[in-house]
Amino acid sequence: MNAFLFMLPAAFGLALAGLVAFLWALKSGQFEDPQGDASRILMDGDDPE
């Protein structure tokens, strides 16, 4: 029972930290252009000009 009383608030704290991190990433624009990032990785930047 002692372990349960420690683990329950720890689980809620970690869930809250994950939610705050996700909302921060959403607000800072981390998910603005996922399609551009997906196509940018396929481009070859070593083309001689």
C-alpha atoms as a PDB file:
ATOM      1  CA  MET A   1       0.000   0.000   0.000  1.00  0.00           C
ATOM      2  CA  ASN A   2       2.906   2.384   0.682  1.00  0.00           C
ATOM      3  CA  ALA A   3       4.222   1.923  -2.851  1.00  0.00           C
ATOM      4  CA  PHE A   4       0.801   2.741  -4.285  1.00  0.00           C
ATOM      5  CA  LEU A   5       0.639   5.981  -2.321  1.00  0.00           C
ATOM      6  CA  PHE A   6       3.990   6.991  -3.813  1.00  0.00           C
ATOM      7  CA  MET A   7       3.419   5.773  -7.378  1.00  0.00           C
ATOM      8  CA  LEU A   8       0.001   7.352  -7.955  1.00  0.00           C
ATOM      9  CA  PRO A   9       1.139  10.989  -7.509  1.00  0.00           C
ATOM     10  CA  ALA A  10       4.314  10.209  -9.442  1.00  0.00           C
ATOM     11  CA  ALA A  11       2.246   8.902 -12.371  1.00  0.00           C
ATOM     12  CA  PHE A  12       0.024  11.974 -12.319  1.00  0.00           C
ATOM     13  CA  GLY A  13       3.080  14.222 -12.168  1.00  0.00           C
ATOM     14  CA  LEU A  14       4.697  12.526 -15.166  1.00  0.00           C
ATOM     15  CA  ALA A  15       1.446  12.706 -17.129  1.00  0.00           C
ATOM     16  CA  LEU A  16       1.141  16.405 -16.337  1.00  0.00           C
ATOM     17  CA  ALA A  17       4.760  17.006 -17.378  1.00  0.00           C
ATOM     18  CA  GLY A  18       4.131  15.227 -20.684  1.00  0.00           C
ATOM     19  CA  LEU A  19       1.014  17.284 -21.321  1.00  0.00           C
ATOM     20  CA  VAL A  20       2.847  20.533 -20.553  1.00  0.00           C
ATOM     21  CA  ALA A  21       5.710  19.529 -22.884  1.00  0.00           C
ATOM     22  CA  PHE A  22       3.259  18.705 -25.678  1.00  0.00           C
ATOM     23  CA  LEU A  23       1.390  21.986 -25.274  1.00  0.00           C
ATOM     24  CA  TRP A  24       4.685  23.909 -25.264  1.00  0.00           C
ATOM     25  CA  ALA A  25       5.762  22.182 -28.497  1.00  0.00           C
ATOM     26  CA  LEU A  26       2.371  22.918 -30.046  1.00  0.00           C
ATOM     27  CA  LYS A  27       2.554  26.586 -29.076  1.00  0.00           C
ATOM     28  CA  SER A  28       6.145  27.034 -30.270  1.00  0.00           C
ATOM     29  CA  GLY A  29       5.323  25.786 -33.772  1.00  0.00           C
ATOM     30  CA  GLN A  30       6.994  22.385 -33.758  1.00  0.00           C
ATOM     31  CA  PHE A  31       4.154  20.825 -35.770  1.00  0.00           C
ATOM     32  CA  GLU A  32       3.632  23.572 -38.362  1.00  0.00           C
ATOM     33  CA  ASP A  33       5.036  21.920 -41.506  1.00  0.00           C
ATOM     34  CA  PRO A  34       5.249  18.133 -41.150  1.00  0.00           C
ATOM     35  CA  GLN A  35       4.829  17.567 -44.901  1.00  0.00           C
ATOM     36  CA  GLY A  36       7.755  19.846 -45.738  1.00  0.00           C
ATOM     37  CA  ASP A  37       9.982  18.069 -43.248  1.00  0.00           C
ATOM     38  CA  ALA A  38       9.014  14.718 -44.734  1.00  0.00           C
ATOM     39  CA  SER A  39       9.986  15.769 -48.242  1.00  0.00           C
ATOM     40  CA  ARG A  40      13.097  17.700 -47.165  1.00  0.00           C
ATOM     41  CA  ILE A  41      14.755  14.538 -45.868  1.00  0.00           C
ATOM     42  CA  LEU A  42      14.543  13.003 -49.360  1.00  0.00           C
ATOM     43  CA  MET A  43      16.277  15.911 -51.083  1.00  0.00           C
ATOM     44  CA  ASP A  44      19.927  15.466 -51.942  1.00  0.00           C
ATOM     45  CA  GLY A  45      21.883  18.525 -50.856  1.00  0.00           C
ATOM     46  CA  ASP A  46      25.154  17.359 -52.468  1.00  0.00           C
ATOM     47  CA  ASP A  47      24.282  18.433 -56.034  1.00  0.00           C
ATOM     48  CA  PRO A  48      27.176  20.202 -57.729  1.00  0.00           C
ATOM     49  CA  GLU A  49      26.157  23.547 -59.157  1.00  0.00           C
END
